[in-house]
Amino acid sequence: MLRETNLLGALMPSLVLYFLAAIALFIVIDRLILPLGFYRLVWHPPLVRLAIFVCVFSGLVLLTRP
């Protein structure tokens, strides 16, 4: 079960922390893929970026759950 986390006196859902970690990982992955020209091979680059972010986010949540 996902719990709430106390952050400076405010209770935040743990999904917010996963979301922030996923953004950081996505930026790193995006910066690694960009020079390779991967986005020139796909039909809709923003949609592929969204799909990569969703995969990173869901992967983080699934891998860190007990």
PDB file of N, CA and C in Angstrom:
ATOM      1  N   MET A   1       0.842  -1.182   0.000  1.00  0.00           N
ATOM      2  CA  MET A   1       0.000   0.000   0.000  1.00  0.00           C
ATOM      3  C   MET A   1       0.884   1.240   0.000  1.00  0.00           C
ATOM      4  N   LEU A   2       0.590   2.173  -0.850  1.00  0.00           N
ATOM      5  CA  LEU A   2       1.342   3.421  -0.886  1.00  0.00           C
ATOM      6  C   LEU A   2       0.906   4.303   0.284  1.00  0.00           C
ATOM      7  N   ARG A   3       1.887   4.896   0.955  1.00  0.00           N
ATOM      8  CA  ARG A   3       1.600   5.687   2.148  1.00  0.00           C
ATOM      9  C   ARG A   3       1.863   7.160   1.867  1.00  0.00           C
ATOM     10  N   GLU A   4       1.467   7.982   2.827  1.00  0.00           N
ATOM     11  CA  GLU A   4       1.769   9.399   2.751  1.00  0.00           C
ATOM     12  C   GLU A   4       3.107   9.662   3.412  1.00  0.00           C
ATOM     13  N   THR A   5       3.820  10.668   2.907  1.00  0.00           N
ATOM     14  CA  THR A   5       5.137  11.011   3.422  1.00  0.00           C
ATOM     15  C   THR A   5       5.085  12.412   4.001  1.00  0.00           C
ATOM     16  N   ASN A   6       5.695  12.587   5.167  1.00  0.00           N
ATOM     17  CA  ASN A   6       5.750  13.893   5.803  1.00  0.00           C
ATOM     18  C   ASN A   6       6.933  14.668   5.221  1.00  0.00           C
ATOM     19  N   LEU A   7       6.656  15.754   4.541  1.00  0.00           N
ATOM     20  CA  LEU A   7       7.691  16.582   3.934  1.00  0.00           C
ATOM     21  C   LEU A   7       7.529  18.007   4.449  1.00  0.00           C
ATOM     22  N   LEU A   8       8.389  18.402   5.387  1.00  0.00           N
ATOM     23  CA  LEU A   8       8.358  19.729   6.000  1.00  0.00           C
ATOM     24  C   LEU A   8       6.998  20.039   6.629  1.00  0.00           C
ATOM     25  N   GLY A   9       6.422  19.046   7.274  1.00  0.00           N
ATOM     26  CA  GLY A   9       5.158  19.243   7.964  1.00  0.00           C
ATOM     27  C   GLY A   9       3.926  19.069   7.100  1.00  0.00           C
ATOM     28  N   ALA A  10       4.096  18.826   5.841  1.00  0.00           N
ATOM     29  CA  ALA A  10       2.950  18.619   4.951  1.00  0.00           C
ATOM     30  C   ALA A  10       2.929  17.157   4.513  1.00  0.00           C
ATOM     31  N   LEU A  11       1.776  16.543   4.594  1.00  0.00           N
ATOM     32  CA  LEU A  11       1.638  15.161   4.161  1.00  0.00           C
ATOM     33  C   LEU A  11       1.436  15.121   2.652  1.00  0.00           C
ATOM     34  N   MET A  12       2.298  14.355   1.991  1.00  0.00           N
ATOM     35  CA  MET A  12       2.225  14.235   0.539  1.00  0.00           C
ATOM     36  C   MET A  12       2.080  12.763   0.185  1.00  0.00           C
ATOM     37  N   PRO A  13       1.287  12.464  -0.836  1.00  0.00           N
ATOM     38  CA  PRO A  13       1.222  11.071  -1.281  1.00  0.00           C
ATOM     39  C   PRO A  13       2.592  10.625  -1.778  1.00  0.00           C
ATOM     40  N   SER A  14       2.913   9.375  -1.563  1.00  0.00           N
ATOM     41  CA  SER A  14       4.223   8.886  -1.995  1.00  0.00           C
ATOM     42  C   SER A  14       4.364   8.908  -3.511  1.00  0.00           C
ATOM     43  N   LEU A  15       3.256   8.949  -4.237  1.00  0.00           N
ATOM     44  CA  LEU A  15       3.324   9.032  -5.689  1.00  0.00           C
ATOM     45  C   LEU A  15       3.979  10.332  -6.155  1.00  0.00           C
ATOM     46  N   VAL A  16       3.884  11.382  -5.358  1.00  0.00           N
ATOM     47  CA  VAL A  16       4.539  12.645  -5.713  1.00  0.00           C
ATOM     48  C   VAL A  16       6.058  12.463  -5.713  1.00  0.00           C
ATOM     49  N   LEU A  17       6.565  11.734  -4.731  1.00  0.00           N
ATOM     50  CA  LEU A  17       8.003  11.480  -4.689  1.00  0.00           C
ATOM     51  C   LEU A  17       8.435  10.596  -5.853  1.00  0.00           C
ATOM     52  N   TYR A  18       7.622   9.595  -6.190  1.00  0.00           N
ATOM     53  CA  TYR A  18       7.914   8.775  -7.366  1.00  0.00           C
ATOM     54  C   TYR A  18       7.902   9.626  -8.636  1.00  0.00           C
ATOM     55  N   PHE A  19       6.942  10.543  -8.710  1.00  0.00           N
ATOM     56  CA  PHE A  19       6.823  11.417  -9.877  1.00  0.00           C
ATOM     57  C   PHE A  19       8.065  12.292 -10.030  1.00  0.00           C
ATOM     58  N   LEU A  20       8.548  12.862  -8.934  1.00  0.00           N
ATOM     59  CA  LEU A  20       9.745  13.698  -8.995  1.00  0.00           C
ATOM     60  C   LEU A  20      10.981  12.891  -9.379  1.00  0.00           C
ATOM     61  N   ALA A  21      11.090  11.678  -8.848  1.00  0.00           N
ATOM     62  CA  ALA A  21      12.209  10.814  -9.212  1.00  0.00           C
ATOM     63  C   ALA A  21      12.116  10.397 -10.674  1.00  0.00           C
ATOM     64  N   ALA A  22      10.898  10.141 -11.149  1.00  0.00           N
ATOM     65  CA  ALA A  22      10.712   9.760 -12.554  1.00  0.00           C
ATOM     66  C   ALA A  22      11.067  10.913 -13.481  1.00  0.00           C
ATOM     67  N   ILE A  23      10.761  12.140 -13.085  1.00  0.00           N
ATOM     68  CA  ILE A  23      11.135  13.299 -13.904  1.00  0.00           C
ATOM     69  C   ILE A  23      12.652  13.389 -14.016  1.00  0.00           C
ATOM     70  N   ALA A  24      13.349  13.211 -12.900  1.00  0.00           N
ATOM     71  CA  ALA A  24      14.814  13.277 -12.925  1.00  0.00           C
ATOM     72  C   ALA A  24      15.401  12.173 -13.809  1.00  0.00           C
ATOM     73  N   LEU A  25      14.907  10.945 -13.664  1.00  0.00           N
ATOM     74  CA  LEU A  25      15.393   9.846 -14.500  1.00  0.00           C
ATOM     75  C   LEU A  25      15.051  10.057 -15.966  1.00  0.00           C
ATOM     76  N   PHE A  26      13.860  10.575 -16.234  1.00  0.00           N
ATOM     77  CA  PHE A  26      13.455  10.823 -17.612  1.00  0.00           C
ATOM     78  C   PHE A  26      14.358  11.862 -18.272  1.00  0.00           C
ATOM     79  N   ILE A  27      14.711  12.905 -17.552  1.00  0.00           N
ATOM     80  CA  ILE A  27      15.598  13.935 -18.118  1.00  0.00           C
ATOM     81  C   ILE A  27      16.944  13.324 -18.480  1.00  0.00           C
ATOM     82  N   VAL A  28      17.462  12.466 -17.617  1.00  0.00           N
ATOM     83  CA  VAL A  28      18.747  11.802 -17.908  1.00  0.00           C
ATOM     84  C   VAL A  28      18.613  10.906 -19.138  1.00  0.00           C
ATOM     85  N   ILE A  29      17.557  10.096 -19.189  1.00  0.00           N
ATOM     86  CA  ILE A  29      17.355   9.203 -20.328  1.00  0.00           C
ATOM     87  C   ILE A  29      17.155   9.998 -21.609  1.00  0.00           C
ATOM     88  N   ASP A  30      16.384  11.071 -21.531  1.00  0.00           N
ATOM     89  CA  ASP A  30      16.118  11.899 -22.710  1.00  0.00           C
ATOM     90  C   ASP A  30      17.404  12.535 -23.236  1.00  0.00           C
ATOM     91  N   ARG A  31      18.254  12.994 -22.330  1.00  0.00           N
ATOM     92  CA  ARG A  31      19.524  13.601 -22.749  1.00  0.00           C
ATOM     93  C   ARG A  31      20.477  12.569 -23.346  1.00  0.00           C
ATOM     94  N   LEU A  32      20.350  11.309 -22.946  1.00  0.00           N
ATOM     95  CA  LEU A  32      21.177  10.255 -23.529  1.00  0.00           C
ATOM     96  C   LEU A  32      20.665   9.828 -24.907  1.00  0.00           C
ATOM     97  N   ILE A  33      19.345   9.826 -25.085  1.00  0.00           N
ATOM     98  CA  ILE A  33      18.748   9.396 -26.345  1.00  0.00           C
ATOM     99  C   ILE A  33      18.841  10.480 -27.418  1.00  0.00           C
ATOM    100  N   LEU A  34      18.764  11.725 -27.021  1.00  0.00           N
ATOM    101  CA  LEU A  34      18.709  12.839 -27.974  1.00  0.00           C
ATOM    102  C   LEU A  34      19.883  12.873 -28.947  1.00  0.00           C
ATOM    103  N   PRO A  35      21.143  12.749 -28.518  1.00  0.00           N
ATOM    104  CA  PRO A  35      22.247  12.797 -29.483  1.00  0.00           C
ATOM    105  C   PRO A  35      22.300  11.592 -30.427  1.00  0.00           C
ATOM    106  N   LEU A  36      21.646  10.512 -30.058  1.00  0.00           N
ATOM    107  CA  LEU A  36      21.653   9.324 -30.904  1.00  0.00           C
ATOM    108  C   LEU A  36      20.729   9.452 -32.116  1.00  0.00           C
ATOM    109  N   GLY A  37      19.879  10.464 -32.108  1.00  0.00           N
ATOM    110  CA  GLY A  37      18.953  10.665 -33.217  1.00  0.00           C
ATOM    111  C   GLY A  37      17.764   9.722 -33.170  1.00  0.00           C
ATOM    112  N   PHE A  38      17.448   9.221 -31.994  1.00  0.00           N
ATOM    113  CA  PHE A  38      16.331   8.282 -31.854  1.00  0.00           C
ATOM    114  C   PHE A  38      15.007   8.911 -32.246  1.00  0.00           C
ATOM    115  N   TYR A  39      14.825  10.174 -31.921  1.00  0.00           N
ATOM    116  CA  TYR A  39      13.543  10.828 -32.173  1.00  0.00           C
ATOM    117  C   TYR A  39      13.304  11.095 -33.651  1.00  0.00           C
ATOM    118  N   ARG A  40      14.331  11.000 -34.481  1.00  0.00           N
ATOM    119  CA  ARG A  40      14.124  11.130 -35.922  1.00  0.00           C
ATOM    120  C   ARG A  40      13.513   9.863 -36.513  1.00  0.00           C
ATOM    121  N   LEU A  41      13.573   8.762 -35.785  1.00  0.00           N
ATOM    122  CA  LEU A  41      13.070   7.477 -36.275  1.00  0.00           C
ATOM    123  C   LEU A  41      11.598   7.246 -35.954  1.00  0.00           C
ATOM    124  N   VAL A  42      11.019   8.067 -35.101  1.00  0.00           N
ATOM    125  CA  VAL A  42       9.645   7.844 -34.666  1.00  0.00           C
ATOM    126  C   VAL A  42       8.707   8.840 -35.329  1.00  0.00           C
ATOM    127  N   TRP A  43       7.426   8.461 -35.378  1.00  0.00           N
ATOM    128  CA  TRP A  43       6.442   9.275 -36.067  1.00  0.00           C
ATOM    129  C   TRP A  43       6.082  10.534 -35.277  1.00  0.00           C
ATOM    130  N   HIS A  44       5.951  10.403 -33.952  1.00  0.00           N
ATOM    131  CA  HIS A  44       5.493  11.522 -33.126  1.00  0.00           C
ATOM    132  C   HIS A  44       6.375  11.610 -31.878  1.00  0.00           C
ATOM    133  N   PRO A  45       7.468  12.376 -31.936  1.00  0.00           N
ATOM    134  CA  PRO A  45       8.415  12.428 -30.806  1.00  0.00           C
ATOM    135  C   PRO A  45       7.810  12.803 -29.455  1.00  0.00           C
ATOM    136  N   PRO A  46       6.893  13.787 -29.365  1.00  0.00           N
ATOM    137  CA  PRO A  46       6.333  14.079 -28.033  1.00  0.00           C
ATOM    138  C   PRO A  46       5.556  12.899 -27.448  1.00  0.00           C
ATOM    139  N   LEU A  47       4.896  12.131 -28.303  1.00  0.00           N
ATOM    140  CA  LEU A  47       4.162  10.969 -27.820  1.00  0.00           C
ATOM    141  C   LEU A  47       5.122   9.891 -27.324  1.00  0.00           C
ATOM    142  N   VAL A  48       6.245   9.729 -27.990  1.00  0.00           N
ATOM    143  CA  VAL A  48       7.254   8.762 -27.550  1.00  0.00           C
ATOM    144  C   VAL A  48       7.876   9.222 -26.231  1.00  0.00           C
ATOM    145  N   ARG A  49       8.098  10.516 -26.089  1.00  0.00           N
ATOM    146  CA  ARG A  49       8.631  11.031 -24.819  1.00  0.00           C
ATOM    147  C   ARG A  49       7.660  10.769 -23.675  1.00  0.00           C
ATOM    148  N   LEU A  50       6.388  10.983 -23.928  1.00  0.00           N
ATOM    149  CA  LEU A  50       5.377  10.698 -22.908  1.00  0.00           C
ATOM    150  C   LEU A  50       5.372   9.214 -22.561  1.00  0.00           C
ATOM    151  N   ALA A  51       5.461   8.354 -23.557  1.00  0.00           N
ATOM    152  CA  ALA A  51       5.470   6.912 -23.312  1.00  0.00           C
ATOM    153  C   ALA A  51       6.698   6.503 -22.503  1.00  0.00           C
ATOM    154  N   ILE A  52       7.848   7.088 -22.798  1.00  0.00           N
ATOM    155  CA  ILE A  52       9.055   6.785 -22.030  1.00  0.00           C
ATOM    156  C   ILE A  52       8.877   7.230 -20.584  1.00  0.00           C
ATOM    157  N   PHE A  53       8.301   8.415 -20.378  1.00  0.00           N
ATOM    158  CA  PHE A  53       8.074   8.888 -19.011  1.00  0.00           C
ATOM    159  C   PHE A  53       7.123   7.976 -18.257  1.00  0.00           C
ATOM    160  N   VAL A  54       6.048   7.553 -18.909  1.00  0.00           N
ATOM    161  CA  VAL A  54       5.086   6.654 -18.249  1.00  0.00           C
ATOM    162  C   VAL A  54       5.749   5.332 -17.899  1.00  0.00           C
ATOM    163  N   CYS A  55       6.600   4.822 -18.778  1.00  0.00           N
ATOM    164  CA  CYS A  55       7.318   3.573 -18.485  1.00  0.00           C
ATOM    165  C   CYS A  55       8.276   3.742 -17.305  1.00  0.00           C
ATOM    166  N   VAL A  56       8.973   4.867 -17.245  1.00  0.00           N
ATOM    167  CA  VAL A  56       9.899   5.121 -16.137  1.00  0.00           C
ATOM    168  C   VAL A  56       9.120   5.268 -14.826  1.00  0.00           C
ATOM    169  N   PHE A  57       8.042   6.018 -14.863  1.00  0.00           N
ATOM    170  CA  PHE A  57       7.234   6.237 -13.662  1.00  0.00           C
ATOM    171  C   PHE A  57       6.632   4.933 -13.152  1.00  0.00           C
ATOM    172  N   SER A  58       6.011   4.171 -14.036  1.00  0.00           N
ATOM    173  CA  SER A  58       5.394   2.919 -13.594  1.00  0.00           C
ATOM    174  C   SER A  58       6.456   1.904 -13.168  1.00  0.00           C
ATOM    175  N   GLY A  59       7.607   1.917 -13.822  1.00  0.00           N
ATOM    176  CA  GLY A  59       8.691   1.029 -13.417  1.00  0.00           C
ATOM    177  C   GLY A  59       9.194   1.345 -12.020  1.00  0.00           C
ATOM    178  N   LEU A  60       9.329   2.633 -11.706  1.00  0.00           N
ATOM    179  CA  LEU A  60       9.746   3.023 -10.356  1.00  0.00           C
ATOM    180  C   LEU A  60       8.749   2.559  -9.305  1.00  0.00           C
ATOM    181  N   VAL A  61       7.487   2.768  -9.580  1.00  0.00           N
ATOM    182  CA  VAL A  61       6.460   2.388  -8.606  1.00  0.00           C
ATOM    183  C   VAL A  61       6.442   0.880  -8.414  1.00  0.00           C
ATOM    184  N   LEU A  62       6.515   0.123  -9.508  1.00  0.00           N
ATOM    185  CA  LEU A  62       6.450  -1.328  -9.395  1.00  0.00           C
ATOM    186  C   LEU A  62       7.695  -1.931  -8.770  1.00  0.00           C
ATOM    187  N   LEU A  63       8.863  -1.345  -9.037  1.00  0.00           N
ATOM    188  CA  LEU A  63      10.099  -1.904  -8.507  1.00  0.00           C
ATOM    189  C   LEU A  63      10.329  -1.578  -7.035  1.00  0.00           C
ATOM    190  N   THR A  64       9.748  -0.507  -6.532  1.00  0.00           N
ATOM    191  CA  THR A  64      10.010  -0.109  -5.153  1.00  0.00           C
ATOM    192  C   THR A  64       8.907  -0.540  -4.193  1.00  0.00           C
ATOM    193  N   ARG A  65       7.841  -1.109  -4.696  1.00  0.00           N
ATOM    194  CA  ARG A  65       6.783  -1.597  -3.797  1.00  0.00           C
ATOM    195  C   ARG A  65       7.209  -2.902  -3.157  1.00  0.00           C
ATOM    196  N   PRO A  66       6.938  -3.063  -1.868  1.00  0.00           N
ATOM    197  CA  PRO A  66       7.306  -4.321  -1.185  1.00  0.00           C
ATOM    198  C   PRO A  66       6.431  -5.480  -1.590  1.00  0.00           C
TER     199      PRO A  66
END
